Amino acid sequence: MAILILGLLIFLGVHSTRIFADDWRSAQISRRGAQTWKMGYTAVSLAGFALLLWGFAMARNDAPMLWNPPVGLRHLSALLTLIAFVLLAATYVPRNGFKAHLHHPMVIAVAVWALAHLLANRTLADLLLFGGFLAWSIASLLAARRRDRVASTHYPAGTLAGTLTAVVAGAVAWAVFAYWMHGLWIGVRPLG
């Protein structure tokens, strides 16, 4: 469990600089350059992510059970992850309605994904991993919206084509992941 916690602290910690230390982050980028910052950020993120994956793989088999979710929560979890994939796609599809209204669909996608996995899973390791991501995504969304207010950020209106593209891309990615990749990578087939 210690490796999982260390991985979470490193990975979510480096991703929290804009939340808790935005001025320091800006100063480091100014002093060292954007490319150097990105390389260091990426290296620390990858190290944290590797520890997080390794720690979760070790902890999930021995972690104490906290609750026994009803089968219906698996179906709700599948629906929520579909929504998360659509929001994730909306992050990259230009001029879609999700980004126009929500402004930060990636962070909301992480929150929805984490909540879905909290509902369907039952161990302490699950609570640490998905609860950590849920807490981080909420803090990140609040910080991003605060930055938007300060900067008077305006998001362009979405188009029907952009919105439909985000929905289709997200749904296809969700189907590939839910029916094939999740079982291959994680060892669990959420939809049988």
Protein backbone atom coordinates (compact mmCIF):
# COMPACT_ATOMS: atom_id res chain seq x y z
CA MET A 1 0.00 0.00 0.00
CA ALA A 2 2.96 2.32 0.69
CA ILE A 3 4.09 2.23 -2.96
CA LEU A 4 0.57 3.09 -4.13
CA ILE A 5 0.44 6.03 -1.74
CA LEU A 6 3.91 7.21 -2.80
CA GLY A 7 2.91 6.97 -6.47
CA LEU A 8 -0.28 8.92 -5.82
CA LEU A 9 1.60 11.61 -3.91
CA ILE A 10 4.16 12.03 -6.68
CA PHE A 11 1.76 11.82 -9.64
CA LEU A 12 -1.04 13.93 -8.19
CA GLY A 13 1.48 16.20 -6.48
CA VAL A 14 3.18 17.21 -9.71
CA HIS A 15 -0.24 17.64 -11.32
CA SER A 16 -1.25 19.93 -8.46
CA THR A 17 1.30 22.69 -9.06
CA ARG A 18 -1.32 24.78 -10.90
CA ILE A 19 -3.69 24.27 -7.97
CA PHE A 20 -1.41 25.07 -5.05
CA ALA A 21 1.70 26.73 -6.48
CA ASP A 22 0.79 28.42 -9.77
CA ASP A 23 3.04 31.43 -9.15
CA TRP A 24 5.99 29.16 -8.32
CA ARG A 25 5.27 27.10 -11.47
CA SER A 26 5.22 30.26 -13.61
CA ALA A 27 8.50 31.43 -12.05
CA GLN A 28 10.15 28.07 -12.78
CA ILE A 29 8.99 28.17 -16.39
CA SER A 30 10.30 31.73 -16.77
CA ARG A 31 13.64 30.88 -15.17
CA ARG A 32 14.29 27.47 -16.75
CA GLY A 33 12.23 27.65 -19.95
CA ALA A 34 9.05 25.87 -20.97
CA GLN A 35 10.85 22.93 -22.58
CA THR A 36 12.94 22.19 -19.49
CA TRP A 37 9.86 22.47 -17.28
CA LYS A 38 7.92 20.06 -19.52
CA MET A 39 10.76 17.52 -19.56
CA GLY A 40 11.07 17.55 -15.76
CA TYR A 41 7.29 17.51 -15.31
CA THR A 42 7.00 14.54 -17.66
CA ALA A 43 9.82 12.60 -15.98
CA VAL A 44 8.37 13.07 -12.49
CA SER A 45 4.84 12.30 -13.75
CA LEU A 46 5.97 9.07 -15.41
CA ALA A 47 7.87 7.98 -12.29
CA GLY A 48 4.81 8.67 -10.13
CA PHE A 49 2.53 6.90 -12.58
CA ALA A 50 4.78 3.83 -12.68
CA LEU A 51 4.83 3.68 -8.87
CA LEU A 52 1.07 4.18 -8.77
CA LEU A 53 0.45 1.30 -11.20
CA TRP A 54 2.92 -1.00 -9.49
CA GLY A 55 1.59 -0.14 -6.04
CA PHE A 56 -2.04 -0.62 -7.08
CA ALA A 57 -1.26 -3.97 -8.73
CA MET A 58 0.34 -5.17 -5.49
CA ALA A 59 -2.24 -3.66 -3.13
CA ARG A 60 -5.46 -4.63 -4.89
CA ASN A 61 -5.17 -8.34 -4.09
CA ASP A 62 -4.42 -7.89 -0.38
CA ALA A 63 -6.39 -4.73 0.38
CA PRO A 64 -9.21 -5.08 2.89
CA MET A 65 -12.76 -5.04 1.56
CA LEU A 66 -14.70 -1.94 2.60
CA TRP A 67 -18.12 -2.66 1.07
CA ASN A 68 -19.85 -4.97 -1.38
CA PRO A 69 -21.41 -2.90 -4.17
CA PRO A 70 -24.63 -4.20 -5.70
CA VAL A 71 -24.48 -5.46 -9.28
CA GLY A 72 -26.49 -2.45 -10.48
CA LEU A 73 -23.61 -0.16 -9.61
CA ARG A 74 -21.51 -1.89 -12.27
CA HIS A 75 -24.07 -0.82 -14.86
CA LEU A 76 -24.07 2.74 -13.52
CA SER A 77 -20.28 2.68 -13.55
CA ALA A 78 -20.28 1.64 -17.22
CA LEU A 79 -22.62 4.53 -18.07
CA LEU A 80 -20.49 7.00 -16.11
CA THR A 81 -17.30 5.84 -17.83
CA LEU A 82 -19.02 6.32 -21.19
CA ILE A 83 -19.73 9.92 -20.14
CA ALA A 84 -16.11 10.28 -19.01
CA PHE A 85 -14.81 9.09 -22.39
CA VAL A 86 -17.08 11.53 -24.24
CA LEU A 87 -15.84 14.38 -22.03
CA LEU A 88 -12.24 13.29 -22.57
CA ALA A 89 -12.80 13.34 -26.34
CA ALA A 90 -14.40 16.78 -25.99
CA THR A 91 -11.10 18.04 -24.60
CA TYR A 92 -9.48 17.55 -28.00
CA VAL A 93 -12.35 18.11 -30.46
CA PRO A 94 -12.53 21.79 -31.42
CA ARG A 95 -15.69 23.84 -30.98
CA ASN A 96 -17.92 21.32 -29.24
CA GLY A 97 -20.78 22.09 -26.87
CA PHE A 98 -19.22 20.25 -23.92
CA LYS A 99 -16.14 22.46 -23.88
CA ALA A 100 -18.23 25.56 -24.54
CA HIS A 101 -20.40 24.92 -21.48
CA LEU A 102 -18.13 23.00 -19.10
CA HIS A 103 -14.83 24.73 -20.06
CA HIS A 104 -12.64 21.96 -18.57
CA PRO A 105 -14.01 18.63 -19.82
CA MET A 106 -10.81 16.66 -19.12
CA VAL A 107 -10.82 17.39 -15.41
CA ILE A 108 -14.55 16.64 -15.23
CA ALA A 109 -13.90 13.40 -17.15
CA VAL A 110 -11.36 12.38 -14.51
CA ALA A 111 -13.88 13.13 -11.75
CA VAL A 112 -16.63 11.10 -13.45
CA TRP A 113 -14.20 8.22 -14.17
CA ALA A 114 -13.01 8.18 -10.55
CA LEU A 115 -16.56 8.29 -9.17
CA ALA A 116 -17.60 5.44 -11.48
CA HIS A 117 -14.74 3.29 -10.24
CA LEU A 118 -15.44 4.15 -6.60
CA LEU A 119 -19.01 2.93 -7.05
CA ALA A 120 -18.04 -0.37 -8.67
CA ASN A 121 -15.01 -1.32 -6.59
CA ARG A 122 -14.72 -2.18 -2.95
CA THR A 123 -11.23 -2.28 -1.45
CA LEU A 124 -9.08 0.16 0.44
CA ALA A 125 -6.70 0.28 -2.54
CA ASP A 126 -9.63 1.30 -4.78
CA LEU A 127 -10.65 3.99 -2.31
CA LEU A 128 -7.11 5.40 -2.19
CA LEU A 129 -6.60 5.36 -5.97
CA PHE A 130 -9.98 6.51 -7.21
CA GLY A 131 -10.73 8.69 -4.18
CA GLY A 132 -7.38 10.42 -4.67
CA PHE A 133 -8.15 11.13 -8.31
CA LEU A 134 -11.65 12.33 -7.46
CA ALA A 135 -10.38 14.75 -4.81
CA TRP A 136 -7.61 15.99 -7.13
CA SER A 137 -10.01 16.53 -10.05
CA ILE A 138 -12.42 18.57 -7.92
CA ALA A 139 -9.58 20.75 -6.61
CA SER A 140 -8.19 21.12 -10.13
CA LEU A 141 -11.58 22.13 -11.55
CA LEU A 142 -12.10 24.75 -8.85
CA ALA A 143 -8.61 26.18 -9.45
CA ALA A 144 -9.11 26.24 -13.23
CA ARG A 145 -12.43 28.04 -12.92
CA ARG A 146 -10.84 30.57 -10.56
CA ARG A 147 -8.06 31.19 -13.12
CA ASP A 148 -10.71 31.61 -15.85
CA ARG A 149 -12.56 34.23 -13.77
CA VAL A 150 -9.37 36.16 -13.06
CA ALA A 151 -8.32 36.08 -16.72
CA SER A 152 -11.89 36.65 -18.01
CA THR A 153 -11.43 33.61 -20.25
CA HIS A 154 -14.02 33.22 -22.99
CA TYR A 155 -14.74 29.85 -24.58
CA PRO A 156 -16.06 29.75 -28.15
CA ALA A 157 -19.55 28.42 -28.76
CA GLY A 158 -19.82 24.79 -29.72
CA THR A 159 -21.09 23.53 -33.03
CA LEU A 160 -23.32 20.54 -33.70
CA ALA A 161 -20.56 18.93 -35.79
CA GLY A 162 -17.99 19.38 -33.03
CA THR A 163 -20.34 18.05 -30.37
CA LEU A 164 -21.33 15.00 -32.42
CA THR A 165 -17.69 14.30 -33.22
CA ALA A 166 -16.87 14.34 -29.50
CA VAL A 167 -19.77 11.99 -28.73
CA VAL A 168 -18.87 9.51 -31.48
CA ALA A 169 -15.13 9.57 -30.74
CA GLY A 170 -15.74 9.15 -27.02
CA ALA A 171 -18.27 6.34 -27.51
CA VAL A 172 -15.96 4.43 -29.87
CA ALA A 173 -12.99 4.83 -27.51
CA TRP A 174 -15.18 3.72 -24.57
CA ALA A 175 -16.38 0.62 -26.44
CA VAL A 176 -12.84 -0.39 -27.41
CA PHE A 177 -11.63 0.11 -23.86
CA ALA A 178 -14.64 -1.43 -22.08
CA TYR A 179 -14.90 -4.53 -24.28
CA TRP A 180 -11.25 -5.19 -25.00
CA MET A 181 -8.48 -2.98 -23.57
CA HIS A 182 -9.64 -2.90 -19.91
CA GLY A 183 -9.46 -6.69 -19.71
CA LEU A 184 -6.14 -6.79 -21.53
CA TRP A 185 -4.45 -4.07 -19.46
CA ILE A 186 -6.21 -4.24 -16.10
CA GLY A 187 -7.25 -7.89 -16.01
CA VAL A 188 -10.92 -7.06 -15.42
CA ARG A 189 -13.59 -7.19 -18.12
CA PRO A 190 -16.22 -4.71 -16.88
CA LEU A 191 -18.81 -5.70 -19.49
CA GLY A 192 -18.23 -9.43 -19.55
